[in-house]
Amino acid sequence: MHRRLESEEKMMDVRKQELEIIDVMKTGIRRKAEMAVEIKPPIQYETMWTVYGKRADFSGIGMRYGIDPVIARVIRNRDVITDEEIQKYLHGSLKDLHEPSLMKDMEKGCHIILEKIKEKKKIRIISDYDVDGVSSNYILYIGLQKVWEKSQSGISRFSY
C-alpha cells in the first residue's frame, strides 16, 4: 500500500512537471506568435520519414517508472533500454550532460555575447518554430536575461 502511494505521488509529480513544461512552451509560442510579422509557408520535402516500432513492454516500463506508456515508447525508440539508462534519461542531473564546450564555435559565440553585453548592445535571439527551437529560444532568453540583470542592474535590452 505504501509503495502504491509513493508510485502515485511520483506519477503526480511527473505529470505536474509535464504541465509546467507545457505552460513554458505555450508561453514561448504565444510570445513568438505575438512577434510574428510574416509567416512563411512550410518548406515541402520529398523525404519520407519512418517511425520504427521497437518492441518492449511499454505498459510495464510505464508502471515501473511512473510514466505514460507513450513516453516509455519514445524512450525505447531512442535506444534507451537498460534500467540504468532509463533512470538516467528520466532523472539525470547536470553532471550527466555533455560538455558544452564541445559544441562547434561555442567559445566564439560566448565571446560575441559577452562583448555585446559589455557594449550594452541589444541581443536578438532567432530560432525556428518547432518545439525544440521555441524551447531553446526561451531557455536562452531567460538565461541571458539573468546574466544581463546581474551586469546591468535589471535594465532589459533584449530584442525578442
Protein backbone atom coordinates (compact mmCIF):
# COMPACT_ATOMS: atom_id res chain seq x y z
CA MET A 1 0.00 0.00 0.00
CA HIS A 2 2.82 2.39 0.94
CA ARG A 3 4.68 1.67 -2.33
CA ARG A 4 1.49 2.27 -4.30
CA LEU A 5 1.07 5.69 -2.68
CA GLU A 6 4.70 6.54 -3.43
CA SER A 7 4.19 5.44 -7.03
CA GLU A 8 1.05 7.54 -7.34
CA GLU A 9 2.86 10.54 -5.83
CA LYS A 10 5.72 10.11 -8.30
CA MET A 11 3.24 9.93 -11.18
CA MET A 12 1.55 13.10 -9.94
CA ASP A 13 4.95 14.86 -9.65
CA VAL A 14 5.90 13.79 -13.19
CA ARG A 15 2.53 14.97 -14.53
CA LYS A 16 2.93 18.29 -12.69
CA GLN A 17 6.40 18.74 -14.26
CA GLU A 18 4.98 17.89 -17.70
CA LEU A 19 2.24 20.51 -17.27
CA GLU A 20 4.80 23.12 -16.16
CA ILE A 21 6.92 22.40 -19.24
CA ILE A 22 3.84 22.65 -21.47
CA ASP A 23 2.97 26.03 -19.88
CA VAL A 24 6.51 27.34 -20.53
CA MET A 25 6.35 26.12 -24.13
CA LYS A 26 2.91 27.70 -24.65
CA THR A 27 4.22 30.98 -23.27
CA GLY A 28 7.17 30.85 -25.66
CA ILE A 29 4.89 30.02 -28.58
CA ARG A 30 2.47 32.84 -27.69
CA ARG A 31 5.34 35.32 -27.46
CA LYS A 32 6.65 34.09 -30.80
CA ALA A 33 3.19 34.46 -32.37
CA GLU A 34 2.79 37.98 -30.98
CA MET A 35 6.09 38.98 -32.58
CA ALA A 36 5.47 37.35 -35.93
CA VAL A 37 5.39 39.83 -38.78
CA GLU A 38 5.43 37.44 -41.68
CA ILE A 39 4.65 33.76 -41.64
CA LYS A 40 6.18 31.79 -44.43
CA PRO A 41 4.59 28.55 -45.65
CA PRO A 42 6.41 25.38 -44.58
CA ILE A 43 9.06 24.00 -46.88
CA GLN A 44 7.87 20.94 -48.77
CA TYR A 45 10.25 18.00 -48.65
CA GLU A 46 10.12 14.83 -50.68
CA THR A 47 11.70 12.77 -47.90
CA MET A 48 9.53 10.18 -46.21
CA TRP A 49 10.14 9.61 -42.50
CA THR A 50 9.74 6.20 -40.96
CA VAL A 51 8.98 5.72 -37.28
CA TYR A 52 10.30 2.39 -36.07
CA GLY A 53 8.04 0.30 -33.89
CA LYS A 54 10.59 -1.12 -31.50
CA ARG A 55 9.12 -3.73 -29.21
CA ALA A 56 9.04 -3.62 -25.44
CA ASP A 57 6.58 -3.91 -22.56
CA PHE A 58 5.61 -0.23 -22.63
CA SER A 59 2.88 -0.64 -20.00
CA GLY A 60 5.32 -2.44 -17.69
CA ILE A 61 8.01 0.21 -18.19
CA GLY A 62 5.41 2.90 -17.59
CA MET A 63 4.25 1.27 -14.35
CA ARG A 64 7.81 0.66 -13.13
CA TYR A 65 8.93 4.27 -13.69
CA GLY A 66 5.62 6.06 -13.15
CA ILE A 67 5.39 7.32 -16.75
CA ASP A 68 2.84 7.05 -19.51
CA PRO A 69 3.31 4.08 -21.88
CA VAL A 70 3.63 6.56 -24.77
CA ILE A 71 6.63 8.15 -23.05
CA ALA A 72 8.04 4.65 -22.49
CA ARG A 73 7.72 4.04 -26.25
CA VAL A 74 9.52 7.32 -27.05
CA ILE A 75 12.32 6.39 -24.66
CA ARG A 76 12.64 2.91 -26.21
CA ASN A 77 12.66 4.37 -29.73
CA ARG A 78 15.65 6.46 -28.66
CA ASP A 79 17.53 3.24 -27.84
CA VAL A 80 17.35 3.83 -24.11
CA ILE A 81 16.99 0.23 -22.97
CA THR A 82 18.57 -0.75 -19.65
CA ASP A 83 17.18 0.22 -16.26
CA GLU A 84 20.26 2.37 -15.64
CA GLU A 85 19.81 4.20 -18.98
CA ILE A 86 16.10 4.77 -18.32
CA GLN A 87 16.84 6.12 -14.82
CA LYS A 88 19.48 8.45 -16.23
CA TYR A 89 17.12 9.57 -19.03
CA LEU A 90 14.27 10.33 -16.63
CA HIS A 91 16.20 11.63 -13.63
CA GLY A 92 19.56 12.77 -15.00
CA SER A 93 21.48 15.56 -13.39
CA LEU A 94 23.67 18.35 -14.72
CA LYS A 95 26.73 16.08 -14.40
CA ASP A 96 25.12 13.76 -16.98
CA LEU A 97 25.05 16.46 -19.67
CA HIS A 98 27.66 16.65 -22.40
CA GLU A 99 30.42 19.21 -22.06
CA PRO A 100 29.03 22.41 -23.70
CA SER A 101 32.44 23.49 -24.97
CA LEU A 102 32.39 20.52 -27.37
CA MET A 103 29.74 22.28 -29.49
CA LYS A 104 31.09 23.86 -32.65
CA ASP A 105 32.02 27.55 -32.19
CA MET A 106 30.74 27.63 -28.58
CA GLU A 107 33.72 29.68 -27.38
CA LYS A 108 33.34 32.11 -30.30
CA GLY A 109 29.62 32.54 -29.57
CA CYS A 110 30.24 33.17 -25.87
CA HIS A 111 32.81 35.84 -26.67
CA ILE A 112 30.38 37.59 -29.02
CA ILE A 113 27.58 37.57 -26.44
CA LEU A 114 29.84 38.85 -23.64
CA GLU A 115 31.15 41.57 -25.95
CA LYS A 116 27.61 42.72 -26.78
CA ILE A 117 26.65 42.78 -23.10
CA LYS A 118 29.74 44.89 -22.27
CA GLU A 119 28.93 47.25 -25.15
CA LYS A 120 25.31 47.50 -23.92
CA LYS A 121 24.06 46.37 -27.33
CA LYS A 122 20.77 44.64 -27.98
CA ILE A 123 20.83 40.90 -28.49
CA ARG A 124 18.40 39.28 -30.90
CA ILE A 125 17.57 35.61 -30.47
CA ILE A 126 16.38 33.84 -33.59
CA SER A 127 15.20 30.24 -33.82
CA ASP A 128 12.86 28.05 -35.79
CA TYR A 129 9.26 27.36 -34.80
CA ASP A 130 9.39 23.69 -33.85
CA VAL A 131 9.23 22.57 -30.24
CA ASP A 132 12.98 22.39 -29.65
CA GLY A 133 13.52 25.73 -31.39
CA VAL A 134 10.92 27.57 -29.30
CA SER A 135 12.04 25.84 -26.10
CA SER A 136 15.73 26.53 -26.63
CA ASN A 137 14.96 30.11 -27.63
CA TYR A 138 13.05 30.67 -24.40
CA ILE A 139 15.74 29.00 -22.26
CA LEU A 140 18.43 31.17 -23.85
CA TYR A 141 16.26 34.27 -23.40
CA ILE A 142 15.73 33.60 -19.69
CA GLY A 143 19.42 32.76 -19.18
CA LEU A 144 20.62 35.90 -20.94
CA GLN A 145 18.06 37.97 -19.05
CA LYS A 146 19.52 36.74 -15.75
CA VAL A 147 23.09 37.48 -16.87
CA TRP A 148 22.04 40.91 -18.13
CA GLU A 149 20.26 41.75 -14.88
CA LYS A 150 23.39 40.90 -12.88
CA SER A 151 25.60 43.04 -15.09
CA GLN A 152 23.20 45.91 -15.90
CA SER A 153 21.06 46.42 -12.77
CA GLY A 154 17.94 44.88 -14.27
CA ILE A 155 17.67 47.04 -17.39
CA SER A 156 16.38 44.76 -20.13
CA ARG A 157 17.79 45.41 -23.59
CA PHE A 158 16.68 42.34 -25.44
CA SER A 159 15.01 42.40 -28.81
CA TYR A 160 12.66 39.43 -28.65
